[in-house]
Amino acid sequence: MRQVHLHVLAAEPQNPEALWYVGISEAAAGHAQTAHDLWTRLLAQPPANAPVRQQVQDRLAALKLDAPK
């Protein structure tokens, strides 16, 4: 399924479903910065009062990002 979402993301860089699921896959693989970038793009899409925003914000908060060197 990851490959399908990657294909969709390549064709539609702002596709919310692809951003969400590729972000989950990247986070699970230990690629926190990539997941952060994808979910930040996703977070820019829904209105401020959309329920999905909290889910995305929770995922972002759970990421363990390395401090810049």
PDB file of N, CA and C in Angstrom:
ATOM      1  N   MET A   1       0.817  -1.187   0.000  1.00  0.00           N
ATOM      2  CA  MET A   1       0.000   0.000   0.000  1.00  0.00           C
ATOM      3  C   MET A   1       0.865   1.257   0.000  1.00  0.00           C
ATOM      4  N   ARG A   2       2.030   1.189   0.638  1.00  0.00           N
ATOM      5  CA  ARG A   2       2.928   2.344   0.681  1.00  0.00           C
ATOM      6  C   ARG A   2       3.285   2.793  -0.728  1.00  0.00           C
ATOM      7  N   GLN A   3       3.573   1.839  -1.598  1.00  0.00           N
ATOM      8  CA  GLN A   3       3.948   2.183  -2.975  1.00  0.00           C
ATOM      9  C   GLN A   3       2.830   2.919  -3.694  1.00  0.00           C
ATOM     10  N   VAL A   4       1.600   2.517  -3.443  1.00  0.00           N
ATOM     11  CA  VAL A   4       0.450   3.188  -4.049  1.00  0.00           C
ATOM     12  C   VAL A   4       0.400   4.637  -3.582  1.00  0.00           C
ATOM     13  N   HIS A   5       0.559   4.844  -2.282  1.00  0.00           N
ATOM     14  CA  HIS A   5       0.515   6.202  -1.746  1.00  0.00           C
ATOM     15  C   HIS A   5       1.686   7.043  -2.252  1.00  0.00           C
ATOM     16  N   LEU A   6       2.851   6.434  -2.395  1.00  0.00           N
ATOM     17  CA  LEU A   6       3.993   7.164  -2.951  1.00  0.00           C
ATOM     18  C   LEU A   6       3.717   7.575  -4.391  1.00  0.00           C
ATOM     19  N   HIS A   7       3.105   6.687  -5.153  1.00  0.00           N
ATOM     20  CA  HIS A   7       2.749   6.993  -6.537  1.00  0.00           C
ATOM     21  C   HIS A   7       1.743   8.144  -6.591  1.00  0.00           C
ATOM     22  N   VAL A   8       0.741   8.081  -5.735  1.00  0.00           N
ATOM     23  CA  VAL A   8      -0.264   9.153  -5.680  1.00  0.00           C
ATOM     24  C   VAL A   8       0.403  10.462  -5.278  1.00  0.00           C
ATOM     25  N   LEU A   9       1.280  10.424  -4.297  1.00  0.00           N
ATOM     26  CA  LEU A   9       1.960  11.620  -3.823  1.00  0.00           C
ATOM     27  C   LEU A   9       2.820  12.237  -4.923  1.00  0.00           C
ATOM     28  N   ALA A  10       3.441  11.408  -5.741  1.00  0.00           N
ATOM     29  CA  ALA A  10       4.245  11.922  -6.855  1.00  0.00           C
ATOM     30  C   ALA A  10       3.363  12.637  -7.876  1.00  0.00           C
ATOM     31  N   ALA A  11       2.177  12.100  -8.104  1.00  0.00           N
ATOM     32  CA  ALA A  11       1.265  12.694  -9.081  1.00  0.00           C
ATOM     33  C   ALA A  11       0.484  13.870  -8.497  1.00  0.00           C
ATOM     34  N   GLU A  12       0.179  13.778  -7.197  1.00  0.00           N
ATOM     35  CA  GLU A  12      -0.622  14.799  -6.514  1.00  0.00           C
ATOM     36  C   GLU A  12       0.057  15.145  -5.184  1.00  0.00           C
ATOM     37  N   PRO A  13       1.020  16.050  -5.199  1.00  0.00           N
ATOM     38  CA  PRO A  13       1.818  16.331  -3.998  1.00  0.00           C
ATOM     39  C   PRO A  13       1.025  16.816  -2.784  1.00  0.00           C
ATOM     40  N   GLN A  14      -0.184  17.265  -2.971  1.00  0.00           N
ATOM     41  CA  GLN A  14      -0.988  17.744  -1.838  1.00  0.00           C
ATOM     42  C   GLN A  14      -2.136  16.795  -1.491  1.00  0.00           C
ATOM     43  N   ASN A  15      -2.109  15.583  -2.008  1.00  0.00           N
ATOM     44  CA  ASN A  15      -3.165  14.622  -1.723  1.00  0.00           C
ATOM     45  C   ASN A  15      -3.164  14.292  -0.227  1.00  0.00           C
ATOM     46  N   PRO A  16      -4.246  14.632   0.485  1.00  0.00           N
ATOM     47  CA  PRO A  16      -4.240  14.464   1.947  1.00  0.00           C
ATOM     48  C   PRO A  16      -4.085  13.018   2.408  1.00  0.00           C
ATOM     49  N   GLU A  17      -4.716  12.088   1.734  1.00  0.00           N
ATOM     50  CA  GLU A  17      -4.595  10.684   2.145  1.00  0.00           C
ATOM     51  C   GLU A  17      -3.163  10.187   1.971  1.00  0.00           C
ATOM     52  N   ALA A  18      -2.548  10.532   0.855  1.00  0.00           N
ATOM     53  CA  ALA A  18      -1.167  10.111   0.619  1.00  0.00           C
ATOM     54  C   ALA A  18      -0.220  10.773   1.621  1.00  0.00           C
ATOM     55  N   LEU A  19      -0.416  12.061   1.892  1.00  0.00           N
ATOM     56  CA  LEU A  19       0.428  12.738   2.880  1.00  0.00           C
ATOM     57  C   LEU A  19       0.325  12.059   4.244  1.00  0.00           C
ATOM     58  N   TRP A  20      -0.884  11.704   4.637  1.00  0.00           N
ATOM     59  CA  TRP A  20      -1.118  11.072   5.934  1.00  0.00           C
ATOM     60  C   TRP A  20      -0.435   9.706   6.014  1.00  0.00           C
ATOM     61  N   TYR A  21      -0.721   8.840   5.038  1.00  0.00           N
ATOM     62  CA  TYR A  21      -0.224   7.467   5.128  1.00  0.00           C
ATOM     63  C   TYR A  21       1.270   7.341   4.842  1.00  0.00           C
ATOM     64  N   VAL A  22       1.799   8.149   3.945  1.00  0.00           N
ATOM     65  CA  VAL A  22       3.251   8.115   3.738  1.00  0.00           C
ATOM     66  C   VAL A  22       3.943   8.674   4.984  1.00  0.00           C
ATOM     67  N   GLY A  23       3.345   9.673   5.615  1.00  0.00           N
ATOM     68  CA  GLY A  23       3.889  10.184   6.875  1.00  0.00           C
ATOM     69  C   GLY A  23       3.934   9.117   7.951  1.00  0.00           C
ATOM     70  N   ILE A  24       2.868   8.343   8.070  1.00  0.00           N
ATOM     71  CA  ILE A  24       2.848   7.244   9.043  1.00  0.00           C
ATOM     72  C   ILE A  24       3.958   6.242   8.734  1.00  0.00           C
ATOM     73  N   SER A  25       4.099   5.899   7.467  1.00  0.00           N
ATOM     74  CA  SER A  25       5.128   4.947   7.057  1.00  0.00           C
ATOM     75  C   SER A  25       6.531   5.481   7.350  1.00  0.00           C
ATOM     76  N   GLU A  26       6.748   6.748   7.048  1.00  0.00           N
ATOM     77  CA  GLU A  26       8.060   7.351   7.300  1.00  0.00           C
ATOM     78  C   GLU A  26       8.361   7.415   8.796  1.00  0.00           C
ATOM     79  N   ALA A  27       7.379   7.778   9.586  1.00  0.00           N
ATOM     80  CA  ALA A  27       7.582   7.831  11.037  1.00  0.00           C
ATOM     81  C   ALA A  27       7.922   6.449  11.581  1.00  0.00           C
ATOM     82  N   ALA A  28       7.214   5.441  11.123  1.00  0.00           N
ATOM     83  CA  ALA A  28       7.463   4.069  11.580  1.00  0.00           C
ATOM     84  C   ALA A  28       8.848   3.579  11.178  1.00  0.00           C
ATOM     85  N   ALA A  29       9.361   4.089  10.062  1.00  0.00           N
ATOM     86  CA  ALA A  29      10.690   3.695   9.582  1.00  0.00           C
ATOM     87  C   ALA A  29      11.799   4.511  10.248  1.00  0.00           C
ATOM     88  N   GLY A  30      11.420   5.432  11.136  1.00  0.00           N
ATOM     89  CA  GLY A  30      12.412   6.233  11.830  1.00  0.00           C
ATOM     90  C   GLY A  30      12.818   7.498  11.097  1.00  0.00           C
ATOM     91  N   HIS A  31      12.067   7.861  10.081  1.00  0.00           N
ATOM     92  CA  HIS A  31      12.361   9.064   9.290  1.00  0.00           C
ATOM     93  C   HIS A  31      11.464  10.207   9.772  1.00  0.00           C
ATOM     94  N   ALA A  32      11.751  10.667  10.977  1.00  0.00           N
ATOM     95  CA  ALA A  32      10.895  11.651  11.628  1.00  0.00           C
ATOM     96  C   ALA A  32      10.825  12.966  10.862  1.00  0.00           C
ATOM     97  N   GLN A  33      11.931  13.422  10.310  1.00  0.00           N
ATOM     98  CA  GLN A  33      11.918  14.708   9.599  1.00  0.00           C
ATOM     99  C   GLN A  33      11.047  14.633   8.354  1.00  0.00           C
ATOM    100  N   THR A  34      11.114  13.520   7.635  1.00  0.00           N
ATOM    101  CA  THR A  34      10.280  13.358   6.441  1.00  0.00           C
ATOM    102  C   THR A  34       8.812  13.313   6.835  1.00  0.00           C
ATOM    103  N   ALA A  35       8.492  12.580   7.887  1.00  0.00           N
ATOM    104  CA  ALA A  35       7.109  12.524   8.375  1.00  0.00           C
ATOM    105  C   ALA A  35       6.648  13.911   8.787  1.00  0.00           C
ATOM    106  N   HIS A  36       7.505  14.643   9.478  1.00  0.00           N
ATOM    107  CA  HIS A  36       7.183  16.007   9.902  1.00  0.00           C
ATOM    108  C   HIS A  36       6.868  16.885   8.691  1.00  0.00           C
ATOM    109  N   ASP A  37       7.692  16.810   7.674  1.00  0.00           N
ATOM    110  CA  ASP A  37       7.491  17.626   6.478  1.00  0.00           C
ATOM    111  C   ASP A  37       6.169  17.291   5.796  1.00  0.00           C
ATOM    112  N   LEU A  38       5.873  16.002   5.679  1.00  0.00           N
ATOM    113  CA  LEU A  38       4.621  15.574   5.046  1.00  0.00           C
ATOM    114  C   LEU A  38       3.416  16.032   5.850  1.00  0.00           C
ATOM    115  N   TRP A  39       3.445  15.827   7.148  1.00  0.00           N
ATOM    116  CA  TRP A  39       2.302  16.193   7.992  1.00  0.00           C
ATOM    117  C   TRP A  39       2.141  17.702   8.118  1.00  0.00           C
ATOM    118  N   THR A  40       3.240  18.441   8.018  1.00  0.00           N
ATOM    119  CA  THR A  40       3.126  19.897   8.026  1.00  0.00           C
ATOM    120  C   THR A  40       2.408  20.367   6.761  1.00  0.00           C
ATOM    121  N   ARG A  41       2.733  19.748   5.644  1.00  0.00           N
ATOM    122  CA  ARG A  41       1.998  20.058   4.399  1.00  0.00           C
ATOM    123  C   ARG A  41       0.528  19.701   4.544  1.00  0.00           C
ATOM    124  N   LEU A  42       0.245  18.580   5.164  1.00  0.00           N
ATOM    125  CA  LEU A  42      -1.139  18.155   5.373  1.00  0.00           C
ATOM    126  C   LEU A  42      -1.870  19.127   6.293  1.00  0.00           C
ATOM    127  N   LEU A  43      -1.215  19.565   7.333  1.00  0.00           N
ATOM    128  CA  LEU A  43      -1.831  20.448   8.321  1.00  0.00           C
ATOM    129  C   LEU A  43      -2.242  21.795   7.716  1.00  0.00           C
ATOM    130  N   ALA A  44      -1.588  22.195   6.654  1.00  0.00           N
ATOM    131  CA  ALA A  44      -1.905  23.469   6.003  1.00  0.00           C
ATOM    132  C   ALA A  44      -3.218  23.416   5.215  1.00  0.00           C
ATOM    133  N   GLN A  45      -3.788  22.244   5.006  1.00  0.00           N
ATOM    134  CA  GLN A  45      -4.947  22.101   4.135  1.00  0.00           C
ATOM    135  C   GLN A  45      -6.311  22.302   4.794  1.00  0.00           C
ATOM    136  N   PRO A  46      -6.621  21.623   5.892  1.00  0.00           N
ATOM    137  CA  PRO A  46      -7.992  21.722   6.414  1.00  0.00           C
ATOM    138  C   PRO A  46      -8.249  23.050   7.117  1.00  0.00           C
ATOM    139  N   PRO A  47      -9.528  23.430   7.216  1.00  0.00           N
ATOM    140  CA  PRO A  47      -9.862  24.644   7.963  1.00  0.00           C
ATOM    141  C   PRO A  47      -9.430  24.518   9.430  1.00  0.00           C
ATOM    142  N   ALA A  48      -9.283  25.638  10.084  1.00  0.00           N
ATOM    143  CA  ALA A  48      -8.792  25.661  11.471  1.00  0.00           C
ATOM    144  C   ALA A  48      -9.648  24.844  12.423  1.00  0.00           C
ATOM    145  N   ASN A  49     -10.932  24.708  12.142  1.00  0.00           N
ATOM    146  CA  ASN A  49     -11.820  23.979  13.054  1.00  0.00           C
ATOM    147  C   ASN A  49     -12.063  22.533  12.634  1.00  0.00           C
ATOM    148  N   ALA A  50     -11.340  22.039  11.657  1.00  0.00           N
ATOM    149  CA  ALA A  50     -11.522  20.659  11.196  1.00  0.00           C
ATOM    150  C   ALA A  50     -11.002  19.677  12.252  1.00  0.00           C
ATOM    151  N   PRO A  51     -11.780  18.643  12.568  1.00  0.00           N
ATOM    152  CA  PRO A  51     -11.357  17.667  13.584  1.00  0.00           C
ATOM    153  C   PRO A  51     -10.036  16.957  13.250  1.00  0.00           C
ATOM    154  N   VAL A  52      -9.746  16.784  11.974  1.00  0.00           N
ATOM    155  CA  VAL A  52      -8.532  16.065  11.582  1.00  0.00           C
ATOM    156  C   VAL A  52      -7.267  16.818  12.001  1.00  0.00           C
ATOM    157  N   ARG A  53      -7.363  18.114  12.174  1.00  0.00           N
ATOM    158  CA  ARG A  53      -6.186  18.903  12.557  1.00  0.00           C
ATOM    159  C   ARG A  53      -5.571  18.402  13.866  1.00  0.00           C
ATOM    160  N   GLN A  54      -6.405  18.049  14.834  1.00  0.00           N
ATOM    161  CA  GLN A  54      -5.896  17.579  16.123  1.00  0.00           C
ATOM    162  C   GLN A  54      -5.130  16.274  15.960  1.00  0.00           C
ATOM    163  N   GLN A  55      -5.626  15.396  15.117  1.00  0.00           N
ATOM    164  CA  GLN A  55      -4.939  14.124  14.869  1.00  0.00           C
ATOM    165  C   GLN A  55      -3.555  14.371  14.273  1.00  0.00           C
ATOM    166  N   VAL A  56      -3.481  15.266  13.308  1.00  0.00           N
ATOM    167  CA  VAL A  56      -2.197  15.584  12.675  1.00  0.00           C
ATOM    168  C   VAL A  56      -1.269  16.256  13.688  1.00  0.00           C
ATOM    169  N   GLN A  57      -1.791  17.187  14.459  1.00  0.00           N
ATOM    170  CA  GLN A  57      -0.968  17.859  15.475  1.00  0.00           C
ATOM    171  C   GLN A  57      -0.448  16.875  16.515  1.00  0.00           C
ATOM    172  N   ASP A  58      -1.264  15.903  16.898  1.00  0.00           N
ATOM    173  CA  ASP A  58      -0.819  14.885  17.854  1.00  0.00           C
ATOM    174  C   ASP A  58       0.326  14.063  17.279  1.00  0.00           C
ATOM    175  N   ARG A  59       0.213  13.690  16.006  1.00  0.00           N
ATOM    176  CA  ARG A  59       1.286  12.922  15.363  1.00  0.00           C
ATOM    177  C   ARG A  59       2.569  13.750  15.284  1.00  0.00           C
ATOM    178  N   LEU A  60       2.427  15.017  14.929  1.00  0.00           N
ATOM    179  CA  LEU A  60       3.608  15.885  14.865  1.00  0.00           C
ATOM    180  C   LEU A  60       4.276  16.002  16.230  1.00  0.00           C
ATOM    181  N   ALA A  61       3.478  16.167  17.262  1.00  0.00           N
ATOM    182  CA  ALA A  61       4.025  16.311  18.613  1.00  0.00           C
ATOM    183  C   ALA A  61       4.738  15.042  19.078  1.00  0.00           C
ATOM    184  N   ALA A  62       4.317  13.904  18.587  1.00  0.00           N
ATOM    185  CA  ALA A  62       4.910  12.633  19.012  1.00  0.00           C
ATOM    186  C   ALA A  62       6.231  12.323  18.311  1.00  0.00           C
ATOM    187  N   LEU A  63       6.531  13.054  17.243  1.00  0.00           N
ATOM    188  CA  LEU A  63       7.777  12.780  16.515  1.00  0.00           C
ATOM    189  C   LEU A  63       8.989  13.164  17.352  1.00  0.00           C
ATOM    190  N   LYS A  64      10.010  12.385  17.231  1.00  0.00           N
ATOM    191  CA  LYS A  64      11.282  12.663  17.908  1.00  0.00           C
ATOM    192  C   LYS A  64      12.237  13.219  16.851  1.00  0.00           C
ATOM    193  N   LEU A  65      12.312  14.554  16.784  1.00  0.00           N
ATOM    194  CA  LEU A  65      13.188  15.183  15.803  1.00  0.00           C
ATOM    195  C   LEU A  65      14.526  15.496  16.424  1.00  0.00           C
ATOM    196  N   ASP A  66      15.582  15.277  15.657  1.00  0.00           N
ATOM    197  CA  ASP A  66      16.925  15.646  16.119  1.00  0.00           C
ATOM    198  C   ASP A  66      17.057  17.161  16.069  1.00  0.00           C
ATOM    199  N   ALA A  67      17.719  17.696  17.045  1.00  0.00           N
ATOM    200  CA  ALA A  67      17.990  19.139  17.054  1.00  0.00           C
ATOM    201  C   ALA A  67      18.972  19.470  15.936  1.00  0.00           C
ATOM    202  N   PRO A  68      18.791  20.621  15.311  1.00  0.00           N
ATOM    203  CA  PRO A  68      19.738  21.020  14.261  1.00  0.00           C
ATOM    204  C   PRO A  68      21.151  21.130  14.823  1.00  0.00           C
ATOM    205  N   LYS A  69      22.129  20.764  14.008  1.00  0.00           N
ATOM    206  CA  LYS A  69      23.526  20.793  14.465  1.00  0.00           C
ATOM    207  C   LYS A  69      24.223  22.018  13.954  1.00  0.00           C
TER     208      LYS A  69
END
